[in-house]
PDB file of N, CA and C in Angstrom:
ATOM      1  N   MET A   1      13.069  -4.995  25.940  1.00  0.00           N
ATOM      2  CA  MET A   1      12.884  -3.739  25.245  1.00  0.00           C
ATOM      3  C   MET A   1      13.369  -3.838  23.793  1.00  0.00           C
ATOM      4  N   ILE A   2      14.496  -4.477  23.580  1.00  0.00           N
ATOM      5  CA  ILE A   2      15.027  -4.592  22.228  1.00  0.00           C
ATOM      6  C   ILE A   2      14.148  -5.497  21.369  1.00  0.00           C
ATOM      7  N   ILE A   3      13.517  -6.495  21.995  1.00  0.00           N
ATOM      8  CA  ILE A   3      12.646  -7.412  21.256  1.00  0.00           C
ATOM      9  C   ILE A   3      11.415  -6.662  20.741  1.00  0.00           C
ATOM     10  N   GLU A   4      10.858  -5.768  21.564  1.00  0.00           N
ATOM     11  CA  GLU A   4       9.708  -4.982  21.127  1.00  0.00           C
ATOM     12  C   GLU A   4      10.086  -4.066  19.971  1.00  0.00           C
ATOM     13  N   PHE A   5      11.279  -3.483  20.043  1.00  0.00           N
ATOM     14  CA  PHE A   5      11.742  -2.609  18.972  1.00  0.00           C
ATOM     15  C   PHE A   5      11.927  -3.383  17.666  1.00  0.00           C
ATOM     16  N   LEU A   6      12.549  -4.549  17.748  1.00  0.00           N
ATOM     17  CA  LEU A   6      12.768  -5.361  16.551  1.00  0.00           C
ATOM     18  C   LEU A   6      11.451  -5.873  15.963  1.00  0.00           C
ATOM     19  N   SER A   7      10.499  -6.230  16.827  1.00  0.00           N
ATOM     20  CA  SER A   7       9.206  -6.674  16.307  1.00  0.00           C
ATOM     21  C   SER A   7       8.457  -5.520  15.643  1.00  0.00           C
ATOM     22  N   THR A   8       8.599  -4.311  16.162  1.00  0.00           N
ATOM     23  CA  THR A   8       7.987  -3.143  15.526  1.00  0.00           C
ATOM     24  C   THR A   8       8.591  -2.910  14.148  1.00  0.00           C
ATOM     25  N   ILE A   9       9.896  -3.009  14.036  1.00  0.00           N
ATOM     26  CA  ILE A   9      10.564  -2.843  12.736  1.00  0.00           C
ATOM     27  C   ILE A   9      10.118  -3.941  11.776  1.00  0.00           C
ATOM     28  N   LEU A  10      10.071  -5.178  12.253  1.00  0.00           N
ATOM     29  CA  LEU A  10       9.656  -6.300  11.413  1.00  0.00           C
ATOM     30  C   LEU A  10       8.227  -6.105  10.899  1.00  0.00           C
ATOM     31  N   TYR A  11       7.312  -5.743  11.785  1.00  0.00           N
ATOM     32  CA  TYR A  11       5.925  -5.545  11.369  1.00  0.00           C
ATOM     33  C   TYR A  11       5.771  -4.332  10.460  1.00  0.00           C
ATOM     34  N   SER A  12       6.584  -3.303  10.656  1.00  0.00           N
ATOM     35  CA  SER A  12       6.541  -2.142   9.762  1.00  0.00           C
ATOM     36  C   SER A  12       6.973  -2.525   8.350  1.00  0.00           C
ATOM     37  N   VAL A  13       8.061  -3.258   8.250  1.00  0.00           N
ATOM     38  CA  VAL A  13       8.541  -3.706   6.940  1.00  0.00           C
ATOM     39  C   VAL A  13       7.519  -4.645   6.295  1.00  0.00           C
ATOM     40  N   LEU A  14       6.970  -5.553   7.085  1.00  0.00           N
ATOM     41  CA  LEU A  14       5.956  -6.466   6.571  1.00  0.00           C
ATOM     42  C   LEU A  14       4.740  -5.701   6.059  1.00  0.00           C
ATOM     43  N   GLY A  15       4.290  -4.688   6.791  1.00  0.00           N
ATOM     44  CA  GLY A  15       3.158  -3.885   6.361  1.00  0.00           C
ATOM     45  C   GLY A  15       3.431  -3.137   5.065  1.00  0.00           C
ATOM     46  N   ILE A  16       4.621  -2.577   4.927  1.00  0.00           N
ATOM     47  CA  ILE A  16       4.982  -1.855   3.704  1.00  0.00           C
ATOM     48  C   ILE A  16       5.042  -2.801   2.512  1.00  0.00           C
ATOM     49  N   VAL A  17       5.632  -3.972   2.716  1.00  0.00           N
ATOM     50  CA  VAL A  17       5.720  -4.956   1.622  1.00  0.00           C
ATOM     51  C   VAL A  17       4.324  -5.418   1.205  1.00  0.00           C
ATOM     52  N   LEU A  18       3.464  -5.696   2.182  1.00  0.00           N
ATOM     53  CA  LEU A  18       2.099  -6.114   1.851  1.00  0.00           C
ATOM     54  C   LEU A  18       1.326  -5.004   1.134  1.00  0.00           C
ATOM     55  N   LEU A  19       1.535  -3.763   1.537  1.00  0.00           N
ATOM     56  CA  LEU A  19       0.873  -2.637   0.868  1.00  0.00           C
ATOM     57  C   LEU A  19       1.335  -2.515  -0.581  1.00  0.00           C
ATOM     58  N   LEU A  20       2.620  -2.636  -0.815  1.00  0.00           N
ATOM     59  CA  LEU A  20       3.136  -2.561  -2.187  1.00  0.00           C
ATOM     60  C   LEU A  20       2.629  -3.724  -3.037  1.00  0.00           C
ATOM     61  N   LEU A  21       2.586  -4.908  -2.451  1.00  0.00           N
ATOM     62  CA  LEU A  21       2.056  -6.060  -3.183  1.00  0.00           C
ATOM     63  C   LEU A  21       0.578  -5.870  -3.523  1.00  0.00           C
ATOM     64  N   ALA A  22      -0.172  -5.281  -2.614  1.00  0.00           N
ATOM     65  CA  ALA A  22      -1.597  -5.044  -2.872  1.00  0.00           C
ATOM     66  C   ALA A  22      -1.784  -4.024  -3.990  1.00  0.00           C
ATOM     67  N   ILE A  23      -0.974  -2.975  -4.014  1.00  0.00           N
ATOM     68  CA  ILE A  23      -1.078  -1.963  -5.072  1.00  0.00           C
ATOM     69  C   ILE A  23      -0.703  -2.573  -6.420  1.00  0.00           C
ATOM     70  N   VAL A  24       0.376  -3.351  -6.466  1.00  0.00           N
ATOM     71  CA  VAL A  24       0.777  -3.998  -7.716  1.00  0.00           C
ATOM     72  C   VAL A  24      -0.278  -5.019  -8.145  1.00  0.00           C
ATOM     73  N   GLY A  25      -0.839  -5.744  -7.176  1.00  0.00           N
ATOM     74  CA  GLY A  25      -1.892  -6.703  -7.488  1.00  0.00           C
ATOM     75  C   GLY A  25      -3.133  -6.030  -8.050  1.00  0.00           C
ATOM     76  N   ALA A  26      -3.520  -4.901  -7.472  1.00  0.00           N
ATOM     77  CA  ALA A  26      -4.675  -4.155  -7.992  1.00  0.00           C
ATOM     78  C   ALA A  26      -4.382  -3.627  -9.390  1.00  0.00           C
ATOM     79  N   ASP A  27      -3.146  -3.197  -9.617  1.00  0.00           N
ATOM     80  CA  ASP A  27      -2.736  -2.712 -10.937  1.00  0.00           C
ATOM     81  C   ASP A  27      -2.895  -3.805 -11.980  1.00  0.00           C
ATOM     82  N   LYS A  28      -2.466  -5.019 -11.647  1.00  0.00           N
ATOM     83  CA  LYS A  28      -2.567  -6.145 -12.585  1.00  0.00           C
ATOM     84  C   LYS A  28      -4.007  -6.646 -12.717  1.00  0.00           C
ATOM     85  N   MET A  29      -4.724  -6.704 -11.590  1.00  0.00           N
ATOM     86  CA  MET A  29      -6.074  -7.253 -11.601  1.00  0.00           C
ATOM     87  C   MET A  29      -7.043  -6.397 -12.423  1.00  0.00           C
ATOM     88  N   PHE A  30      -6.936  -5.093 -12.271  1.00  0.00           N
ATOM     89  CA  PHE A  30      -7.852  -4.197 -12.972  1.00  0.00           C
ATOM     90  C   PHE A  30      -7.280  -3.667 -14.282  1.00  0.00           C
ATOM     91  N   ARG A  31      -6.130  -4.192 -14.666  1.00  0.00           N
ATOM     92  CA  ARG A  31      -5.450  -3.816 -15.915  1.00  0.00           C
ATOM     93  C   ARG A  31      -5.253  -2.301 -16.027  1.00  0.00           C
ATOM     94  N   LEU A  32      -4.750  -1.718 -14.957  1.00  0.00           N
ATOM     95  CA  LEU A  32      -4.479  -0.291 -14.932  1.00  0.00           C
ATOM     96  C   LEU A  32      -3.045  -0.041 -15.382  1.00  0.00           C
ATOM     97  N   ASN A  33      -2.778   1.170 -15.776  1.00  0.00           N
ATOM     98  CA  ASN A  33      -1.423   1.573 -16.100  1.00  0.00           C
ATOM     99  C   ASN A  33      -1.090   2.773 -15.221  1.00  0.00           C
ATOM    100  N   LEU A  34      -0.586   2.491 -14.013  1.00  0.00           N
ATOM    101  CA  LEU A  34      -0.341   3.547 -13.039  1.00  0.00           C
ATOM    102  C   LEU A  34       0.609   4.610 -13.562  1.00  0.00           C
ATOM    103  N   ARG A  35       1.687   4.191 -14.171  1.00  0.00           N
ATOM    104  CA  ARG A  35       2.673   5.165 -14.659  1.00  0.00           C
ATOM    105  C   ARG A  35       2.080   6.078 -15.705  1.00  0.00           C
ATOM    106  N   HIS A  36       1.333   5.526 -16.639  1.00  0.00           N
ATOM    107  CA  HIS A  36       0.735   6.332 -17.702  1.00  0.00           C
ATOM    108  C   HIS A  36      -0.252   7.349 -17.122  1.00  0.00           C
ATOM    109  N   GLU A  37      -1.115   6.882 -16.237  1.00  0.00           N
ATOM    110  CA  GLU A  37      -2.149   7.764 -15.691  1.00  0.00           C
ATOM    111  C   GLU A  37      -1.562   8.862 -14.795  1.00  0.00           C
ATOM    112  N   LEU A  38      -0.593   8.507 -13.971  1.00  0.00           N
ATOM    113  CA  LEU A  38      -0.066   9.481 -13.018  1.00  0.00           C
ATOM    114  C   LEU A  38       1.013  10.387 -13.600  1.00  0.00           C
ATOM    115  N   VAL A  39       1.925   9.820 -14.377  1.00  0.00           N
ATOM    116  CA  VAL A  39       3.073  10.596 -14.854  1.00  0.00           C
ATOM    117  C   VAL A  39       2.777  11.292 -16.182  1.00  0.00           C
ATOM    118  N   GLU A  40       2.238  10.558 -17.118  1.00  0.00           N
ATOM    119  CA  GLU A  40       2.056  11.124 -18.448  1.00  0.00           C
ATOM    120  C   GLU A  40       0.760  11.922 -18.583  1.00  0.00           C
ATOM    121  N   GLU A  41      -0.331  11.419 -18.006  1.00  0.00           N
ATOM    122  CA  GLU A  41      -1.621  12.096 -18.135  1.00  0.00           C
ATOM    123  C   GLU A  41      -1.890  13.096 -17.016  1.00  0.00           C
ATOM    124  N   HIS A  42      -1.093  13.069 -15.947  1.00  0.00           N
ATOM    125  CA  HIS A  42      -1.274  13.951 -14.783  1.00  0.00           C
ATOM    126  C   HIS A  42      -2.700  13.863 -14.251  1.00  0.00           C
ATOM    127  N   ASN A  43      -3.203  12.657 -14.102  1.00  0.00           N
ATOM    128  CA  ASN A  43      -4.569  12.411 -13.660  1.00  0.00           C
ATOM    129  C   ASN A  43      -4.627  12.485 -12.133  1.00  0.00           C
ATOM    130  N   VAL A  44      -5.024  13.648 -11.610  1.00  0.00           N
ATOM    131  CA  VAL A  44      -5.063  13.872 -10.171  1.00  0.00           C
ATOM    132  C   VAL A  44      -6.113  12.986  -9.506  1.00  0.00           C
ATOM    133  N   ALA A  45      -7.258  12.828 -10.149  1.00  0.00           N
ATOM    134  CA  ALA A  45      -8.316  11.993  -9.579  1.00  0.00           C
ATOM    135  C   ALA A  45      -7.841  10.554  -9.415  1.00  0.00           C
ATOM    136  N   PHE A  46      -7.085  10.054 -10.353  1.00  0.00           N
ATOM    137  CA  PHE A  46      -6.554   8.699 -10.258  1.00  0.00           C
ATOM    138  C   PHE A  46      -5.548   8.604  -9.112  1.00  0.00           C
ATOM    139  N   GLY A  47      -4.757   9.625  -8.929  1.00  0.00           N
ATOM    140  CA  GLY A  47      -3.811   9.650  -7.810  1.00  0.00           C
ATOM    141  C   GLY A  47      -4.515   9.630  -6.470  1.00  0.00           C
ATOM    142  N   ILE A  48      -5.618  10.386  -6.365  1.00  0.00           N
ATOM    143  CA  ILE A  48      -6.398  10.389  -5.133  1.00  0.00           C
ATOM    144  C   ILE A  48      -7.030   9.024  -4.907  1.00  0.00           C
ATOM    145  N   LEU A  49      -7.487   8.393  -5.968  1.00  0.00           N
ATOM    146  CA  LEU A  49      -8.057   7.050  -5.864  1.00  0.00           C
ATOM    147  C   LEU A  49      -7.021   6.059  -5.345  1.00  0.00           C
ATOM    148  N   ILE A  50      -5.836   6.074  -5.901  1.00  0.00           N
ATOM    149  CA  ILE A  50      -4.770   5.165  -5.468  1.00  0.00           C
ATOM    150  C   ILE A  50      -4.381   5.454  -4.016  1.00  0.00           C
ATOM    151  N   ALA A  51      -4.348   6.737  -3.630  1.00  0.00           N
ATOM    152  CA  ALA A  51      -4.035   7.084  -2.246  1.00  0.00           C
ATOM    153  C   ALA A  51      -5.098   6.539  -1.296  1.00  0.00           C
ATOM    154  N   GLY A  52      -6.355   6.640  -1.684  1.00  0.00           N
ATOM    155  CA  GLY A  52      -7.431   6.097  -0.856  1.00  0.00           C
ATOM    156  C   GLY A  52      -7.341   4.594  -0.715  1.00  0.00           C
ATOM    157  N   VAL A  53      -7.020   3.932  -1.804  1.00  0.00           N
ATOM    158  CA  VAL A  53      -6.849   2.477  -1.762  1.00  0.00           C
ATOM    159  C   VAL A  53      -5.675   2.116  -0.854  1.00  0.00           C
ATOM    160  N   ALA A  54      -4.589   2.873  -0.946  1.00  0.00           N
ATOM    161  CA  ALA A  54      -3.414   2.607  -0.114  1.00  0.00           C
ATOM    162  C   ALA A  54      -3.738   2.797   1.366  1.00  0.00           C
ATOM    163  N   VAL A  55      -4.493   3.840   1.700  1.00  0.00           N
ATOM    164  CA  VAL A  55      -4.865   4.073   3.094  1.00  0.00           C
ATOM    165  C   VAL A  55      -5.764   2.948   3.599  1.00  0.00           C
ATOM    166  N   ALA A  56      -6.745   2.556   2.782  1.00  0.00           N
ATOM    167  CA  ALA A  56      -7.661   1.483   3.185  1.00  0.00           C
ATOM    168  C   ALA A  56      -6.920   0.167   3.396  1.00  0.00           C
ATOM    169  N   ILE A  57      -6.055  -0.186   2.475  1.00  0.00           N
ATOM    170  CA  ILE A  57      -5.290  -1.425   2.611  1.00  0.00           C
ATOM    171  C   ILE A  57      -4.342  -1.329   3.804  1.00  0.00           C
ATOM    172  N   GLY A  58      -3.755  -0.165   4.012  1.00  0.00           N
ATOM    173  CA  GLY A  58      -2.882   0.033   5.168  1.00  0.00           C
ATOM    174  C   GLY A  58      -3.612  -0.150   6.486  1.00  0.00           C
ATOM    175  N   LEU A  59      -4.833   0.354   6.566  1.00  0.00           N
ATOM    176  CA  LEU A  59      -5.634   0.164   7.783  1.00  0.00           C
ATOM    177  C   LEU A  59      -5.968  -1.307   8.013  1.00  0.00           C
ATOM    178  N   ILE A  60      -6.289  -2.002   6.938  1.00  0.00           N
ATOM    179  CA  ILE A  60      -6.585  -3.436   7.050  1.00  0.00           C
ATOM    180  C   ILE A  60      -5.345  -4.198   7.518  1.00  0.00           C
ATOM    181  N   ILE A  61      -4.208  -3.902   6.927  1.00  0.00           N
ATOM    182  CA  ILE A  61      -2.965  -4.582   7.309  1.00  0.00           C
ATOM    183  C   ILE A  61      -2.602  -4.250   8.764  1.00  0.00           C
ATOM    184  N   ALA A  62      -2.744  -2.993   9.152  1.00  0.00           N
ATOM    185  CA  ALA A  62      -2.426  -2.605  10.529  1.00  0.00           C
ATOM    186  C   ALA A  62      -3.334  -3.305  11.531  1.00  0.00           C
ATOM    187  N   GLY A  63      -4.612  -3.399  11.192  1.00  0.00           N
ATOM    188  CA  GLY A  63      -5.542  -4.101  12.075  1.00  0.00           C
ATOM    189  C   GLY A  63      -5.229  -5.584  12.178  1.00  0.00           C
ATOM    190  N   THR A  64      -4.832  -6.157  11.078  1.00  0.00           N
ATOM    191  CA  THR A  64      -4.505  -7.579  11.076  1.00  0.00           C
ATOM    192  C   THR A  64      -3.228  -7.851  11.864  1.00  0.00           C
ATOM    193  N   ILE A  65      -2.228  -7.024  11.676  1.00  0.00           N
ATOM    194  CA  ILE A  65      -0.952  -7.224  12.376  1.00  0.00           C
ATOM    195  C   ILE A  65      -1.113  -6.994  13.875  1.00  0.00           C
ATOM    196  N   SER A  66      -1.909  -6.009  14.262  1.00  0.00           N
ATOM    197  CA  SER A  66      -2.036  -5.685  15.685  1.00  0.00           C
ATOM    198  C   SER A  66      -2.941  -6.642  16.447  1.00  0.00           C
ATOM    199  N   SER A  67      -3.708  -7.464  15.734  1.00  0.00           N
ATOM    200  CA  SER A  67      -4.607  -8.381  16.454  1.00  0.00           C
ATOM    201  C   SER A  67      -3.943  -9.692  16.815  1.00  0.00           C
TER     202      SER A  67
END
């Protein structure tokens, strides 16, 4: 029982780290400025776009980890 709990924690942390790396990678790859667009310009559409990307990448990571 404890092994299943620890593996769940490990995979959760791994999924979060991979999601953050993917967001930072997309930021660098597409030469975006997340802070400028979200904080200074209050660009709601850009925030929704980033949220959609995060959900999509999260689903991919979850599917990969669970298989």
